[in-house]
Amino acid sequence: MSTHPLYNQLSVQDVASMRERNETFILIDVREPAEYAIARIDGALLHPMSMPLDWASAIDRDSQIVVMCHHGMRSAHVAATLTQRFGFRNVANMSGGIDAWSLLIDPTTPRY
């Protein structure tokens, strides 16, 4: 895990380990519905970056949040927004996104 001034960076291996240890966290997928239909991680909540972040107000700001996308760029933007604009304290971006997840964690996850 590495840190960013506003949020943490987690590798796909970090996130897979958290899941294996049954850690409590909310996995937010900010890709578009068409992308989510191709490949997804079980349990991830779809909240496309193109839509308003209205969902953020319904989540406890002390919850551990992991944000993901295709490669990690869109999710980094959303992670920064969650900390700066909404006051979340425990936010991480999943570096490499679903693409790295497919390559390094679950090869049955389709790549696109």
C-alpha atoms as a PDB file:
ATOM      1  CA  MET A   1       0.000   0.000   0.000  1.00  0.00           C
ATOM      2  CA  SER A   2       1.252   3.478  -0.795  1.00  0.00           C
ATOM      3  CA  THR A   3      -0.221   6.811   0.135  1.00  0.00           C
ATOM      4  CA  HIS A   4      -1.342   9.860  -1.777  1.00  0.00           C
ATOM      5  CA  PRO A   5      -1.899  13.174   0.027  1.00  0.00           C
ATOM      6  CA  LEU A   6      -5.670  12.617  -0.138  1.00  0.00           C
ATOM      7  CA  TYR A   7      -6.126   8.832  -0.278  1.00  0.00           C
ATOM      8  CA  ASN A   8      -4.263   5.515  -0.169  1.00  0.00           C
ATOM      9  CA  GLN A   9      -3.193   3.438  -3.138  1.00  0.00           C
ATOM     10  CA  LEU A  10      -3.872  -0.289  -2.899  1.00  0.00           C
ATOM     11  CA  SER A  11      -2.625  -2.908  -5.307  1.00  0.00           C
ATOM     12  CA  VAL A  12      -5.012  -5.539  -6.596  1.00  0.00           C
ATOM     13  CA  GLN A  13      -3.106  -7.999  -4.393  1.00  0.00           C
ATOM     14  CA  ASP A  14      -3.874  -5.802  -1.355  1.00  0.00           C
ATOM     15  CA  VAL A  15      -7.583  -5.775  -2.209  1.00  0.00           C
ATOM     16  CA  ALA A  16      -7.626  -9.539  -2.841  1.00  0.00           C
ATOM     17  CA  SER A  17      -5.986 -10.088   0.566  1.00  0.00           C
ATOM     18  CA  MET A  18      -8.543  -7.843   2.243  1.00  0.00           C
ATOM     19  CA  ARG A  19     -11.318  -9.910   0.666  1.00  0.00           C
ATOM     20  CA  GLU A  20      -9.675 -13.183   1.742  1.00  0.00           C
ATOM     21  CA  ARG A  21      -9.450 -11.872   5.326  1.00  0.00           C
ATOM     22  CA  ASN A  22     -13.137 -10.850   5.152  1.00  0.00           C
ATOM     23  CA  GLU A  23     -12.238  -7.262   6.015  1.00  0.00           C
ATOM     24  CA  THR A  24     -15.141  -4.860   5.977  1.00  0.00           C
ATOM     25  CA  PHE A  25     -14.895  -2.330   3.158  1.00  0.00           C
ATOM     26  CA  ILE A  26     -17.049  -0.933   0.395  1.00  0.00           C
ATOM     27  CA  LEU A  27     -15.790  -1.556  -3.144  1.00  0.00           C
ATOM     28  CA  ILE A  28     -17.051   1.141  -5.508  1.00  0.00           C
ATOM     29  CA  ASP A  29     -16.728   0.568  -9.264  1.00  0.00           C
ATOM     30  CA  VAL A  30     -16.854   3.888 -11.128  1.00  0.00           C
ATOM     31  CA  ARG A  31     -16.834   2.460 -14.662  1.00  0.00           C
ATOM     32  CA  GLU A  32     -19.807   2.707 -16.992  1.00  0.00           C
ATOM     33  CA  PRO A  33     -22.593   0.078 -17.043  1.00  0.00           C
ATOM     34  CA  ALA A  34     -21.375  -1.375 -20.379  1.00  0.00           C
ATOM     35  CA  GLU A  35     -17.905  -1.919 -18.880  1.00  0.00           C
ATOM     36  CA  TYR A  36     -19.367  -3.420 -15.711  1.00  0.00           C
ATOM     37  CA  ALA A  37     -21.387  -5.845 -17.872  1.00  0.00           C
ATOM     38  CA  ILE A  38     -18.154  -7.133 -19.441  1.00  0.00           C
ATOM     39  CA  ALA A  39     -16.100  -7.620 -16.275  1.00  0.00           C
ATOM     40  CA  ARG A  40     -16.701  -7.037 -12.584  1.00  0.00           C
ATOM     41  CA  ILE A  41     -15.625  -8.045  -9.112  1.00  0.00           C
ATOM     42  CA  ASP A  42     -18.333  -9.724  -7.063  1.00  0.00           C
ATOM     43  CA  GLY A  43     -19.714  -7.401  -4.444  1.00  0.00           C
ATOM     44  CA  ALA A  44     -18.564  -4.192  -6.135  1.00  0.00           C
ATOM     45  CA  LEU A  45     -21.170  -1.429  -6.211  1.00  0.00           C
ATOM     46  CA  LEU A  46     -21.552   0.269  -9.581  1.00  0.00           C
ATOM     47  CA  HIS A  47     -21.535   4.070  -9.326  1.00  0.00           C
ATOM     48  CA  PRO A  48     -20.393   5.413 -12.721  1.00  0.00           C
ATOM     49  CA  MET A  49     -18.122   8.423 -12.619  1.00  0.00           C
ATOM     50  CA  SER A  50     -20.299  10.029 -15.303  1.00  0.00           C
ATOM     51  CA  MET A  51     -23.201  10.184 -12.844  1.00  0.00           C
ATOM     52  CA  PRO A  52     -23.511  12.557  -9.864  1.00  0.00           C
ATOM     53  CA  LEU A  53     -21.878  11.395  -6.656  1.00  0.00           C
ATOM     54  CA  ASP A  54     -25.225  11.542  -4.823  1.00  0.00           C
ATOM     55  CA  TRP A  55     -24.585   8.038  -3.489  1.00  0.00           C
ATOM     56  CA  ALA A  56     -21.706   9.364  -1.370  1.00  0.00           C
ATOM     57  CA  SER A  57     -24.053  11.075   1.079  1.00  0.00           C
ATOM     58  CA  ALA A  58     -25.625   7.703   1.943  1.00  0.00           C
ATOM     59  CA  ILE A  59     -22.314   6.134   3.034  1.00  0.00           C
ATOM     60  CA  ASP A  60     -20.816   6.578   6.501  1.00  0.00           C
ATOM     61  CA  ARG A  61     -17.766   8.804   6.126  1.00  0.00           C
ATOM     62  CA  ASP A  62     -15.789   6.553   8.473  1.00  0.00           C
ATOM     63  CA  SER A  63     -16.346   3.455   6.306  1.00  0.00           C
ATOM     64  CA  GLN A  64     -13.372   2.007   4.511  1.00  0.00           C
ATOM     65  CA  ILE A  65     -13.882   2.732   0.800  1.00  0.00           C
ATOM     66  CA  VAL A  66     -11.942   1.217  -2.101  1.00  0.00           C
ATOM     67  CA  VAL A  67     -12.594   2.798  -5.488  1.00  0.00           C
ATOM     68  CA  MET A  68     -11.837   1.011  -8.769  1.00  0.00           C
ATOM     69  CA  CYS A  69     -12.180   1.470 -12.529  1.00  0.00           C
ATOM     70  CA  HIS A  70     -10.548   0.003 -15.652  1.00  0.00           C
ATOM     71  CA  HIS A  71      -6.929   1.036 -14.976  1.00  0.00           C
ATOM     72  CA  GLY A  72      -7.091   3.276 -11.898  1.00  0.00           C
ATOM     73  CA  MET A  73      -7.272   6.786 -13.312  1.00  0.00           C
ATOM     74  CA  ARG A  74     -11.001   7.517 -13.012  1.00  0.00           C
ATOM     75  CA  SER A  75     -11.093   5.882  -9.595  1.00  0.00           C
ATOM     76  CA  ALA A  76      -8.182   8.071  -8.428  1.00  0.00           C
ATOM     77  CA  HIS A  77     -10.224  11.133  -9.369  1.00  0.00           C
ATOM     78  CA  VAL A  78     -13.272   9.844  -7.469  1.00  0.00           C
ATOM     79  CA  ALA A  79     -11.112   8.922  -4.452  1.00  0.00           C
ATOM     80  CA  ALA A  80      -9.778  12.483  -4.321  1.00  0.00           C
ATOM     81  CA  THR A  81     -13.304  13.892  -4.635  1.00  0.00           C
ATOM     82  CA  LEU A  82     -14.598  11.685  -1.811  1.00  0.00           C
ATOM     83  CA  THR A  83     -11.911  12.960   0.544  1.00  0.00           C
ATOM     84  CA  GLN A  84     -11.883  16.627  -0.499  1.00  0.00           C
ATOM     85  CA  ARG A  85     -15.541  17.302  -1.171  1.00  0.00           C
ATOM     86  CA  PHE A  86     -17.325  14.770   1.014  1.00  0.00           C
ATOM     87  CA  GLY A  87     -14.925  14.440   3.953  1.00  0.00           C
ATOM     88  CA  PHE A  88     -14.282  10.708   3.768  1.00  0.00           C
ATOM     89  CA  ARG A  89     -11.297   9.690   5.899  1.00  0.00           C
ATOM     90  CA  ASN A  90     -10.519   6.143   4.788  1.00  0.00           C
ATOM     91  CA  VAL A  91     -10.445   6.026   0.982  1.00  0.00           C
ATOM     92  CA  ALA A  92      -8.184   4.000  -1.285  1.00  0.00           C
ATOM     93  CA  ASN A  93      -7.747   3.756  -5.038  1.00  0.00           C
ATOM     94  CA  MET A  94      -7.215   0.255  -6.462  1.00  0.00           C
ATOM     95  CA  SER A  95      -4.173   0.730  -8.697  1.00  0.00           C
ATOM     96  CA  GLY A  96      -4.367  -1.037 -12.030  1.00  0.00           C
ATOM     97  CA  GLY A  97      -8.129  -1.474 -11.849  1.00  0.00           C
ATOM     98  CA  ILE A  98     -10.090  -4.391 -13.235  1.00  0.00           C
ATOM     99  CA  ASP A  99      -7.428  -4.913 -15.889  1.00  0.00           C
ATOM    100  CA  ALA A 100      -4.740  -5.681 -13.282  1.00  0.00           C
ATOM    101  CA  TRP A 101      -7.278  -7.764 -11.344  1.00  0.00           C
ATOM    102  CA  SER A 102      -7.800  -9.913 -14.441  1.00  0.00           C
ATOM    103  CA  LEU A 103      -4.052 -10.263 -15.059  1.00  0.00           C
ATOM    104  CA  LEU A 104      -2.884 -10.852 -11.489  1.00  0.00           C
ATOM    105  CA  ILE A 105      -5.799 -12.115  -9.380  1.00  0.00           C
ATOM    106  CA  ASP A 106      -8.585 -13.694 -11.406  1.00  0.00           C
ATOM    107  CA  PRO A 107      -7.760 -14.710 -14.985  1.00  0.00           C
ATOM    108  CA  THR A 108     -11.420 -15.697 -15.514  1.00  0.00           C
ATOM    109  CA  THR A 109     -12.305 -11.984 -15.387  1.00  0.00           C
ATOM    110  CA  PRO A 110     -12.553 -10.851 -19.030  1.00  0.00           C
ATOM    111  CA  ARG A 111     -10.154  -8.189 -20.276  1.00  0.00           C
ATOM    112  CA  TYR A 112     -11.259  -5.450 -22.646  1.00  0.00           C
END
